[in-house]
Amino acid sequence: MTTVRPRRSVLYRLGDDPRSYETARGFEVDGLLFDLEDSVAPADKATARKRLGAALAAGNFNGQERLIRVNGLDTAWGADDLAFAAKSPIDGIMLAKVETGRQMREADDALGGLGAPDSLTLWAMIETPKGVLAASEVAGSTPRMAGIAIGLGDLSRGMGGFRHAAPFRFPMLAALSTIVLVARAHGLAAIDSSFRDARDPEGFRAACLESRELGYDGKALSDPALAPIADAAFGPTPAEIDWSKRVLSAVGAAPSGAQVKVDGQLIEPGYIEVARRIAAAASWPRLGR
């Protein structure tokens, strides 16, 4: 059976809010992304690490994947962020504004020197034109790599746009497609950028459905109220679950090497893998909330 970790809804917890880290465990989302980068003022970096450390040590999380977004190693805070994250009870570390594979390798080397477990993964946040063009190099940089996230706000501004046009995603489709293609080529997860307006649930749903069609695993979000929309959009529909069951049943009943058709369609090996992924996803918690 194909196993896939759900990453439909990845909730930012921002360090400029004193209670943001502490309340994280109570939200029903697939992932939590604790930010030590843009949302934390330079003078507050050390305080934010202490606050996050206390929240993580308290435990009682609801099965969410836990990631920490750290400042780059070329900043004044990156080394301290990485040392803190290496000893924290988390699943992965996301490096901000990645533009080269060398940045990921340096982080990997530093984690090894800090005694971080091999299970601690690395993620890259791609937020600049250089990062998009180097995405394949980044994706293949280290065995710790688990996923790539794209940040459209900084990327749009770096491309000379302002991310105000509607629909704002159209100019970004080339970059969005590049990131997900690279992620799939390297067997990594792909997380889409957060939405510009949490007060527009219909717009958020449309962006999630578009993102799913592009191939993304899920979407970052800043408002936990949007999580059920992302979970439903990125999870399989009842019709897809039914199709997967019929495909796997037909394949299981067919003689070895025999061709199988479902609804008049020849079921090639690629479709069998899709059916297995859907069957695995059908067991995810909170499906279709």
C-alpha atoms as a PDB file:
ATOM      1  CA  MET A   1       0.000   0.000   0.000  1.00  0.00           C
ATOM      2  CA  THR A   2       1.250   3.457  -0.908  1.00  0.00           C
ATOM      3  CA  THR A   3       1.654   5.647   2.146  1.00  0.00           C
ATOM      4  CA  VAL A   4       1.284   9.405   1.872  1.00  0.00           C
ATOM      5  CA  ARG A   5       1.496  11.865   4.730  1.00  0.00           C
ATOM      6  CA  PRO A   6      -1.322  14.412   4.566  1.00  0.00           C
ATOM      7  CA  ARG A   7      -0.162  17.997   4.133  1.00  0.00           C
ATOM      8  CA  ARG A   8      -3.409  19.552   2.944  1.00  0.00           C
ATOM      9  CA  SER A   9      -3.437  22.361   5.509  1.00  0.00           C
ATOM     10  CA  VAL A  10      -0.189  23.817   6.880  1.00  0.00           C
ATOM     11  CA  LEU A  11      -0.857  26.555   9.427  1.00  0.00           C
ATOM     12  CA  TYR A  12       1.619  29.392   9.971  1.00  0.00           C
ATOM     13  CA  ARG A  13       2.207  30.289  13.589  1.00  0.00           C
ATOM     14  CA  LEU A  14       3.722  33.769  13.616  1.00  0.00           C
ATOM     15  CA  GLY A  15       6.253  34.879  16.185  1.00  0.00           C
ATOM     16  CA  ASP A  16       4.949  38.426  16.496  1.00  0.00           C
ATOM     17  CA  ASP A  17       1.950  37.093  18.464  1.00  0.00           C
ATOM     18  CA  PRO A  18       2.933  36.132  22.054  1.00  0.00           C
ATOM     19  CA  ARG A  19       0.335  33.311  22.148  1.00  0.00           C
ATOM     20  CA  SER A  20       0.685  32.100  18.568  1.00  0.00           C
ATOM     21  CA  TYR A  21       3.047  29.237  19.402  1.00  0.00           C
ATOM     22  CA  GLU A  22       1.283  28.269  22.611  1.00  0.00           C
ATOM     23  CA  THR A  23      -2.150  27.825  21.008  1.00  0.00           C
ATOM     24  CA  ALA A  24      -0.910  25.857  17.998  1.00  0.00           C
ATOM     25  CA  ARG A  25      -1.562  22.387  19.372  1.00  0.00           C
ATOM     26  CA  GLY A  26      -5.317  22.981  19.496  1.00  0.00           C
ATOM     27  CA  PHE A  27      -5.864  23.446  15.747  1.00  0.00           C
ATOM     28  CA  GLU A  28      -7.019  20.603  13.495  1.00  0.00           C
ATOM     29  CA  VAL A  29      -4.548  20.968  10.655  1.00  0.00           C
ATOM     30  CA  ASP A  30      -2.117  18.582   8.999  1.00  0.00           C
ATOM     31  CA  GLY A  31       0.948  20.692   9.653  1.00  0.00           C
ATOM     32  CA  LEU A  32       2.209  23.555  11.792  1.00  0.00           C
ATOM     33  CA  LEU A  33       4.861  25.942  10.489  1.00  0.00           C
ATOM     34  CA  PHE A  34       6.402  27.898  13.367  1.00  0.00           C
ATOM     35  CA  ASP A  35       7.999  31.025  11.978  1.00  0.00           C
ATOM     36  CA  LEU A  36      11.202  32.509  13.367  1.00  0.00           C
ATOM     37  CA  GLU A  37      11.908  34.546  10.254  1.00  0.00           C
ATOM     38  CA  ASP A  38       9.882  37.420   8.752  1.00  0.00           C
ATOM     39  CA  SER A  39       7.255  37.583  11.495  1.00  0.00           C
ATOM     40  CA  VAL A  40       9.845  38.090  14.250  1.00  0.00           C
ATOM     41  CA  ALA A  41      11.573  41.448  14.651  1.00  0.00           C
ATOM     42  CA  PRO A  42      15.394  41.318  14.920  1.00  0.00           C
ATOM     43  CA  ALA A  43      15.302  42.393  18.572  1.00  0.00           C
ATOM     44  CA  ASP A  44      12.833  39.618  19.410  1.00  0.00           C
ATOM     45  CA  LYS A  45      14.559  36.609  17.816  1.00  0.00           C
ATOM     46  CA  ALA A  46      15.980  35.168  21.051  1.00  0.00           C
ATOM     47  CA  THR A  47      12.691  35.703  22.899  1.00  0.00           C
ATOM     48  CA  ALA A  48      10.780  33.964  20.106  1.00  0.00           C
ATOM     49  CA  ARG A  49      13.069  30.932  20.295  1.00  0.00           C
ATOM     50  CA  LYS A  50      12.494  30.668  24.053  1.00  0.00           C
ATOM     51  CA  ARG A  51       8.740  31.040  23.600  1.00  0.00           C
ATOM     52  CA  LEU A  52       8.649  28.383  20.887  1.00  0.00           C
ATOM     53  CA  GLY A  53      10.879  26.059  22.900  1.00  0.00           C
ATOM     54  CA  ALA A  54       8.475  26.187  25.825  1.00  0.00           C
ATOM     55  CA  ALA A  55       5.485  25.495  23.574  1.00  0.00           C
ATOM     56  CA  LEU A  56       7.170  22.498  21.940  1.00  0.00           C
ATOM     57  CA  ALA A  57       8.350  21.099  25.266  1.00  0.00           C
ATOM     58  CA  ALA A  58       4.785  21.206  26.585  1.00  0.00           C
ATOM     59  CA  GLY A  59       3.789  18.681  23.903  1.00  0.00           C
ATOM     60  CA  ASN A  60       0.220  17.423  23.566  1.00  0.00           C
ATOM     61  CA  PHE A  61       0.118  18.102  19.841  1.00  0.00           C
ATOM     62  CA  ASN A  62      -2.669  16.566  17.792  1.00  0.00           C
ATOM     63  CA  GLY A  63      -0.522  14.579  15.358  1.00  0.00           C
ATOM     64  CA  GLN A  64       0.395  17.624  13.280  1.00  0.00           C
ATOM     65  CA  GLU A  65       3.654  17.647  11.368  1.00  0.00           C
ATOM     66  CA  ARG A  66       5.801  20.303  13.053  1.00  0.00           C
ATOM     67  CA  LEU A  67       8.165  22.486  11.045  1.00  0.00           C
ATOM     68  CA  ILE A  68      10.222  25.513  12.039  1.00  0.00           C
ATOM     69  CA  ARG A  69      11.061  28.176   9.472  1.00  0.00           C
ATOM     70  CA  VAL A  70      14.503  29.546  10.341  1.00  0.00           C
ATOM     71  CA  ASN A  71      16.501  32.495   9.168  1.00  0.00           C
ATOM     72  CA  GLY A  72      19.206  31.829   6.583  1.00  0.00           C
ATOM     73  CA  LEU A  73      22.666  30.877   7.764  1.00  0.00           C
ATOM     74  CA  ASP A  74      23.977  34.059   6.131  1.00  0.00           C
ATOM     75  CA  THR A  75      21.995  36.164   8.622  1.00  0.00           C
ATOM     76  CA  ALA A  76      22.890  37.116  12.183  1.00  0.00           C
ATOM     77  CA  TRP A  77      20.262  34.707  13.565  1.00  0.00           C
ATOM     78  CA  GLY A  78      20.506  31.659  11.298  1.00  0.00           C
ATOM     79  CA  ALA A  79      23.111  29.698  13.260  1.00  0.00           C
ATOM     80  CA  ASP A  80      21.267  30.161  16.555  1.00  0.00           C
ATOM     81  CA  ASP A  81      17.956  29.248  14.909  1.00  0.00           C
ATOM     82  CA  LEU A  82      19.439  26.060  13.470  1.00  0.00           C
ATOM     83  CA  ALA A  83      21.069  25.062  16.772  1.00  0.00           C
ATOM     84  CA  PHE A  84      17.737  25.559  18.524  1.00  0.00           C
ATOM     85  CA  ALA A  85      15.768  23.630  15.900  1.00  0.00           C
ATOM     86  CA  ALA A  86      18.270  20.738  15.849  1.00  0.00           C
ATOM     87  CA  LYS A  87      17.451  19.944  19.495  1.00  0.00           C
ATOM     88  CA  SER A  88      13.701  20.585  19.294  1.00  0.00           C
ATOM     89  CA  PRO A  89      10.962  17.914  19.131  1.00  0.00           C
ATOM     90  CA  ILE A  90       9.971  18.688  15.537  1.00  0.00           C
ATOM     91  CA  ASP A  91       9.751  16.912  12.207  1.00  0.00           C
ATOM     92  CA  GLY A  92      11.576  19.336   9.960  1.00  0.00           C
ATOM     93  CA  ILE A  93      13.316  22.651   9.407  1.00  0.00           C
ATOM     94  CA  MET A  94      12.402  25.037   6.600  1.00  0.00           C
ATOM     95  CA  LEU A  95      15.080  27.397   5.329  1.00  0.00           C
ATOM     96  CA  ALA A  96      13.802  30.767   4.147  1.00  0.00           C
ATOM     97  CA  LYS A  97      14.648  32.394   0.809  1.00  0.00           C
ATOM     98  CA  VAL A  98      16.657  29.477  -0.560  1.00  0.00           C
ATOM     99  CA  GLU A  99      18.442  30.177  -3.844  1.00  0.00           C
ATOM    100  CA  THR A 100      21.151  27.489  -4.065  1.00  0.00           C
ATOM    101  CA  GLY A 101      21.736  23.870  -3.237  1.00  0.00           C
ATOM    102  CA  ARG A 102      24.807  24.991  -1.304  1.00  0.00           C
ATOM    103  CA  GLN A 103      22.561  26.640   1.298  1.00  0.00           C
ATOM    104  CA  MET A 104      20.797  23.346   1.949  1.00  0.00           C
ATOM    105  CA  ARG A 105      24.055  21.394   2.115  1.00  0.00           C
ATOM    106  CA  GLU A 106      25.489  23.872   4.615  1.00  0.00           C
ATOM    107  CA  ALA A 107      22.411  23.449   6.767  1.00  0.00           C
ATOM    108  CA  ASP A 108      22.686  19.668   6.505  1.00  0.00           C
ATOM    109  CA  ASP A 109      26.365  19.773   7.493  1.00  0.00           C
ATOM    110  CA  ALA A 110      25.551  22.034  10.426  1.00  0.00           C
ATOM    111  CA  LEU A 111      22.789  19.703  11.622  1.00  0.00           C
ATOM    112  CA  GLY A 112      25.193  16.783  11.508  1.00  0.00           C
ATOM    113  CA  GLY A 113      27.651  18.701  13.653  1.00  0.00           C
ATOM    114  CA  LEU A 114      24.878  19.555  16.090  1.00  0.00           C
ATOM    115  CA  GLY A 115      23.948  15.904  16.521  1.00  0.00           C
ATOM    116  CA  ALA A 116      20.520  16.242  14.908  1.00  0.00           C
ATOM    117  CA  PRO A 117      18.803  12.898  14.214  1.00  0.00           C
ATOM    118  CA  ASP A 118      18.744  11.607  10.651  1.00  0.00           C
ATOM    119  CA  SER A 119      14.944  11.738  10.815  1.00  0.00           C
ATOM    120  CA  LEU A 120      14.996  15.546  11.057  1.00  0.00           C
ATOM    121  CA  THR A 121      14.131  16.712   7.551  1.00  0.00           C
ATOM    122  CA  LEU A 122      14.952  19.852   5.594  1.00  0.00           C
ATOM    123  CA  TRP A 123      12.531  21.954   3.563  1.00  0.00           C
ATOM    124  CA  ALA A 124      13.270  24.841   1.207  1.00  0.00           C
ATOM    125  CA  MET A 125      11.118  27.946   0.935  1.00  0.00           C
ATOM    126  CA  ILE A 126      11.473  29.301  -2.603  1.00  0.00           C
ATOM    127  CA  GLU A 127      10.672  33.019  -2.652  1.00  0.00           C
ATOM    128  CA  THR A 128      12.867  34.609  -5.343  1.00  0.00           C
ATOM    129  CA  PRO A 129      13.403  34.310  -9.109  1.00  0.00           C
ATOM    130  CA  LYS A 130      16.875  32.862  -8.460  1.00  0.00           C
ATOM    131  CA  GLY A 131      15.342  30.269  -6.182  1.00  0.00           C
ATOM    132  CA  VAL A 132      12.833  29.161  -8.811  1.00  0.00           C
ATOM    133  CA  LEU A 133      15.558  28.797 -11.443  1.00  0.00           C
ATOM    134  CA  ALA A 134      17.716  26.779  -9.013  1.00  0.00           C
ATOM    135  CA  ALA A 135      14.851  24.642  -7.688  1.00  0.00           C
ATOM    136  CA  SER A 136      16.082  21.351  -9.139  1.00  0.00           C
ATOM    137  CA  GLU A 137      19.562  21.871  -7.677  1.00  0.00           C
ATOM    138  CA  VAL A 138      17.969  22.694  -4.318  1.00  0.00           C
ATOM    139  CA  ALA A 139      15.690  19.650  -4.409  1.00  0.00           C
ATOM    140  CA  GLY A 140      18.557  17.245  -5.007  1.00  0.00           C
ATOM    141  CA  SER A 141      20.997  18.868  -2.615  1.00  0.00           C
ATOM    142  CA  THR A 142      20.771  16.561   0.423  1.00  0.00           C
ATOM    143  CA  PRO A 143      19.082  13.309   1.515  1.00  0.00           C
ATOM    144  CA  ARG A 144      17.370  15.262   4.313  1.00  0.00           C
ATOM    145  CA  MET A 145      15.211  17.089   1.770  1.00  0.00           C
ATOM    146  CA  ALA A 146      11.506  16.386   2.326  1.00  0.00           C
ATOM    147  CA  GLY A 147       9.701  19.198   0.567  1.00  0.00           C
ATOM    148  CA  ILE A 148       9.569  22.565  -1.131  1.00  0.00           C
ATOM    149  CA  ALA A 149       7.260  25.455  -0.321  1.00  0.00           C
ATOM    150  CA  ILE A 150       6.717  28.464  -2.552  1.00  0.00           C
ATOM    151  CA  GLY A 151       6.192  32.005  -1.279  1.00  0.00           C
ATOM    152  CA  LEU A 152       4.345  34.056  -3.879  1.00  0.00           C
ATOM    153  CA  GLY A 153       4.415  37.417  -2.096  1.00  0.00           C
ATOM    154  CA  ASP A 154       8.177  37.931  -2.167  1.00  0.00           C
ATOM    155  CA  LEU A 155       8.451  36.126  -5.497  1.00  0.00           C
ATOM    156  CA  SER A 156       5.923  38.413  -7.165  1.00  0.00           C
ATOM    157  CA  ARG A 157       7.696  41.501  -5.907  1.00  0.00           C
ATOM    158  CA  GLY A 158      11.028  40.055  -7.012  1.00  0.00           C
ATOM    159  CA  MET A 159       9.585  39.612 -10.499  1.00  0.00           C
ATOM    160  CA  GLY A 160       8.442  43.239 -10.583  1.00  0.00           C
ATOM    161  CA  GLY A 161       4.787  42.620  -9.757  1.00  0.00           C
ATOM    162  CA  PHE A 162       2.746  43.704  -6.757  1.00  0.00           C
ATOM    163  CA  ARG A 163       0.388  40.729  -6.312  1.00  0.00           C
ATOM    164  CA  HIS A 164      -2.637  43.028  -6.436  1.00  0.00           C
ATOM    165  CA  ALA A 165      -4.066  42.028  -9.808  1.00  0.00           C
ATOM    166  CA  ALA A 166      -7.053  39.682  -9.966  1.00  0.00           C
ATOM    167  CA  PRO A 167      -6.623  36.833 -10.510  1.00  0.00           C
ATOM    168  CA  PHE A 168      -3.244  37.416  -8.903  1.00  0.00           C
ATOM    169  CA  ARG A 169      -2.025  33.842  -9.451  1.00  0.00           C
ATOM    170  CA  PHE A 170      -2.039  33.947 -13.251  1.00  0.00           C
ATOM    171  CA  PRO A 171       1.403  35.609 -13.562  1.00  0.00           C
ATOM    172  CA  MET A 172       2.763  33.065 -11.069  1.00  0.00           C
ATOM    173  CA  LEU A 173       1.629  29.892 -12.849  1.00  0.00           C
ATOM    174  CA  ALA A 174       5.008  29.262 -14.496  1.00  0.00           C
ATOM    175  CA  ALA A 175       6.765  29.410 -11.129  1.00  0.00           C
ATOM    176  CA  LEU A 176       4.054  27.338  -9.424  1.00  0.00           C
ATOM    177  CA  SER A 177       4.353  24.655 -12.097  1.00  0.00           C
ATOM    178  CA  THR A 178       8.150  24.658 -11.940  1.00  0.00           C
ATOM    179  CA  ILE A 179       8.191  24.057  -8.197  1.00  0.00           C
ATOM    180  CA  VAL A 180       5.726  21.183  -8.254  1.00  0.00           C
ATOM    181  CA  LEU A 181       7.442  19.560 -11.254  1.00  0.00           C
ATOM    182  CA  VAL A 182      10.790  19.712  -9.472  1.00  0.00           C
ATOM    183  CA  ALA A 183       9.295  18.351  -6.267  1.00  0.00           C
ATOM    184  CA  ARG A 184       7.719  15.390  -8.063  1.00  0.00           C
ATOM    185  CA  ALA A 185      10.896  14.669 -10.027  1.00  0.00           C
ATOM    186  CA  HIS A 186      12.804  14.385  -6.742  1.00  0.00           C
ATOM    187  CA  GLY A 187      10.091  12.618  -4.741  1.00  0.00           C
ATOM    188  CA  LEU A 188       9.436  15.601  -2.463  1.00  0.00           C
ATOM    189  CA  ALA A 189       6.306  17.211  -1.065  1.00  0.00           C
ATOM    190  CA  ALA A 190       5.136  20.541  -2.499  1.00  0.00           C
ATOM    191  CA  ILE A 191       3.274  23.169  -0.472  1.00  0.00           C
ATOM    192  CA  ASP A 192       1.595  26.143  -2.127  1.00  0.00           C
ATOM    193  CA  SER A 193       1.834  29.714  -0.858  1.00  0.00           C
ATOM    194  CA  SER A 194      -0.539  31.221   1.671  1.00  0.00           C
ATOM    195  CA  PHE A 195      -3.603  33.064   0.406  1.00  0.00           C
ATOM    196  CA  ARG A 196      -3.698  36.845   0.278  1.00  0.00           C
ATOM    197  CA  ASP A 197      -7.051  37.403   2.016  1.00  0.00           C
ATOM    198  CA  ALA A 198      -8.317  35.116   4.786  1.00  0.00           C
ATOM    199  CA  ARG A 199     -11.685  36.929   4.600  1.00  0.00           C
ATOM    200  CA  ASP A 200     -12.329  35.471   1.139  1.00  0.00           C
ATOM    201  CA  PRO A 201     -13.094  31.766   1.708  1.00  0.00           C
ATOM    202  CA  GLU A 202     -14.452  31.248  -1.808  1.00  0.00           C
ATOM    203  CA  GLY A 203     -11.303  32.705  -3.306  1.00  0.00           C
ATOM    204  CA  PHE A 204      -9.246  30.500  -1.017  1.00  0.00           C
ATOM    205  CA  ARG A 205     -11.204  27.413  -2.096  1.00  0.00           C
ATOM    206  CA  ALA A 206     -10.687  28.276  -5.772  1.00  0.00           C
ATOM    207  CA  ALA A 207      -6.949  28.704  -5.184  1.00  0.00           C
ATOM    208  CA  CYS A 208      -6.806  25.350  -3.357  1.00  0.00           C
ATOM    209  CA  LEU A 209      -8.578  23.534  -6.189  1.00  0.00           C
ATOM    210  CA  GLU A 210      -6.281  25.132  -8.741  1.00  0.00           C
ATOM    211  CA  SER A 211      -3.282  24.185  -6.628  1.00  0.00           C
ATOM    212  CA  ARG A 212      -4.453  20.604  -6.366  1.00  0.00           C
ATOM    213  CA  GLU A 213      -4.826  20.382 -10.144  1.00  0.00           C
ATOM    214  CA  LEU A 214      -1.267  21.665 -10.486  1.00  0.00           C
ATOM    215  CA  GLY A 215      -0.174  18.766  -8.270  1.00  0.00           C
ATOM    216  CA  TYR A 216       0.499  20.394  -4.894  1.00  0.00           C
ATOM    217  CA  ASP A 217       0.006  18.413  -1.693  1.00  0.00           C
ATOM    218  CA  GLY A 218      -1.531  21.282   0.219  1.00  0.00           C
ATOM    219  CA  LYS A 219      -1.542  24.956   1.020  1.00  0.00           C
ATOM    220  CA  ALA A 220      -0.097  27.158   3.699  1.00  0.00           C
ATOM    221  CA  LEU A 221      -2.619  29.284   5.580  1.00  0.00           C
ATOM    222  CA  SER A 222      -2.595  31.891   8.301  1.00  0.00           C
ATOM    223  CA  ASP A 223      -6.181  31.502   9.549  1.00  0.00           C
ATOM    224  CA  PRO A 224      -7.154  28.108  11.041  1.00  0.00           C
ATOM    225  CA  ALA A 225     -10.762  28.727   9.970  1.00  0.00           C
ATOM    226  CA  LEU A 226      -9.643  28.011   6.397  1.00  0.00           C
ATOM    227  CA  ALA A 227      -8.263  24.562   7.240  1.00  0.00           C
ATOM    228  CA  PRO A 228     -11.492  22.628   6.512  1.00  0.00           C
ATOM    229  CA  ILE A 229     -11.591  24.190   3.042  1.00  0.00           C
ATOM    230  CA  ALA A 230      -8.027  23.100   2.304  1.00  0.00           C
ATOM    231  CA  ASP A 231      -8.619  19.617   3.740  1.00  0.00           C
ATOM    232  CA  ALA A 232     -11.650  19.101   1.513  1.00  0.00           C
ATOM    233  CA  ALA A 233     -10.018  20.583  -1.603  1.00  0.00           C
ATOM    234  CA  PHE A 234      -6.814  18.535  -1.388  1.00  0.00           C
ATOM    235  CA  GLY A 235      -8.446  15.322  -0.165  1.00  0.00           C
ATOM    236  CA  PRO A 236     -10.013  12.827  -2.603  1.00  0.00           C
ATOM    237  CA  THR A 237     -13.675  13.242  -3.496  1.00  0.00           C
ATOM    238  CA  PRO A 238     -16.236  10.445  -2.872  1.00  0.00           C
ATOM    239  CA  ALA A 239     -16.238   9.720  -6.611  1.00  0.00           C
ATOM    240  CA  GLU A 240     -12.447   9.387  -6.637  1.00  0.00           C
ATOM    241  CA  ILE A 241     -12.513   7.072  -3.631  1.00  0.00           C
ATOM    242  CA  ASP A 242     -15.155   4.913  -5.317  1.00  0.00           C
ATOM    243  CA  TRP A 243     -13.087   4.772  -8.521  1.00  0.00           C
ATOM    244  CA  SER A 244      -9.951   3.781  -6.623  1.00  0.00           C
ATOM    245  CA  LYS A 245     -11.777   0.958  -4.857  1.00  0.00           C
ATOM    246  CA  ARG A 246     -13.097  -0.412  -8.125  1.00  0.00           C
ATOM    247  CA  VAL A 247      -9.699  -0.167  -9.801  1.00  0.00           C
ATOM    248  CA  LEU A 248      -7.877  -1.948  -6.988  1.00  0.00           C
ATOM    249  CA  SER A 249     -10.601  -4.594  -6.769  1.00  0.00           C
ATOM    250  CA  ALA A 250     -10.440  -5.243 -10.509  1.00  0.00           C
ATOM    251  CA  VAL A 251      -6.644  -5.401 -10.499  1.00  0.00           C
ATOM    252  CA  GLY A 252      -6.662  -7.764  -7.539  1.00  0.00           C
ATOM    253  CA  ALA A 253      -9.150 -10.105  -9.209  1.00  0.00           C
ATOM    254  CA  ALA A 254      -7.452 -10.190 -12.617  1.00  0.00           C
ATOM    255  CA  PRO A 255      -5.057 -12.980 -13.601  1.00  0.00           C
ATOM    256  CA  SER A 256      -1.401 -12.028 -13.482  1.00  0.00           C
ATOM    257  CA  GLY A 257      -0.427 -10.019 -16.546  1.00  0.00           C
ATOM    258  CA  ALA A 258      -3.990  -9.577 -17.761  1.00  0.00           C
ATOM    259  CA  GLN A 259      -5.303  -6.234 -18.975  1.00  0.00           C
ATOM    260  CA  VAL A 260      -7.845  -4.565 -16.709  1.00  0.00           C
ATOM    261  CA  LYS A 261     -10.528  -2.072 -17.719  1.00  0.00           C
ATOM    262  CA  VAL A 262     -12.726   0.033 -15.437  1.00  0.00           C
ATOM    263  CA  ASP A 263     -15.513   2.153 -16.931  1.00  0.00           C
ATOM    264  CA  GLY A 264     -14.144   1.242 -20.338  1.00  0.00           C
ATOM    265  CA  GLN A 265     -10.716   2.672 -19.533  1.00  0.00           C
ATOM    266  CA  LEU A 266      -7.575   0.567 -19.725  1.00  0.00           C
ATOM    267  CA  ILE A 267      -5.935   0.611 -16.299  1.00  0.00           C
ATOM    268  CA  GLU A 268      -2.238   1.074 -16.918  1.00  0.00           C
ATOM    269  CA  PRO A 269       0.352   0.911 -14.088  1.00  0.00           C
ATOM    270  CA  GLY A 270       0.232   4.688 -13.606  1.00  0.00           C
ATOM    271  CA  TYR A 271      -3.489   4.546 -12.881  1.00  0.00           C
ATOM    272  CA  ILE A 272      -2.934   1.769 -10.353  1.00  0.00           C
ATOM    273  CA  GLU A 273      -0.489   3.976  -8.474  1.00  0.00           C
ATOM    274  CA  VAL A 274      -3.002   6.841  -8.527  1.00  0.00           C
ATOM    275  CA  ALA A 275      -5.669   4.495  -7.149  1.00  0.00           C
ATOM    276  CA  ARG A 276      -3.333   3.398  -4.362  1.00  0.00           C
ATOM    277  CA  ARG A 277      -2.586   7.003  -3.421  1.00  0.00           C
ATOM    278  CA  ILE A 278      -6.289   7.825  -3.316  1.00  0.00           C
ATOM    279  CA  ALA A 279      -6.995   4.757  -1.184  1.00  0.00           C
ATOM    280  CA  ALA A 280      -4.282   5.805   1.251  1.00  0.00           C
ATOM    281  CA  ALA A 281      -5.598   9.367   1.365  1.00  0.00           C
ATOM    282  CA  ALA A 282      -9.142   8.145   2.033  1.00  0.00           C
ATOM    283  CA  SER A 283      -8.036   7.132   5.531  1.00  0.00           C
ATOM    284  CA  TRP A 284      -6.695  10.564   6.444  1.00  0.00           C
ATOM    285  CA  PRO A 285      -8.328  12.163   9.504  1.00  0.00           C
ATOM    286  CA  ARG A 286     -10.813  15.018   9.118  1.00  0.00           C
ATOM    287  CA  LEU A 287     -11.389  14.137   5.449  1.00  0.00           C
ATOM    288  CA  GLY A 288     -14.010  16.446   4.007  1.00  0.00           C
ATOM    289  CA  ARG A 289     -14.756  18.323   7.247  1.00  0.00           C
END
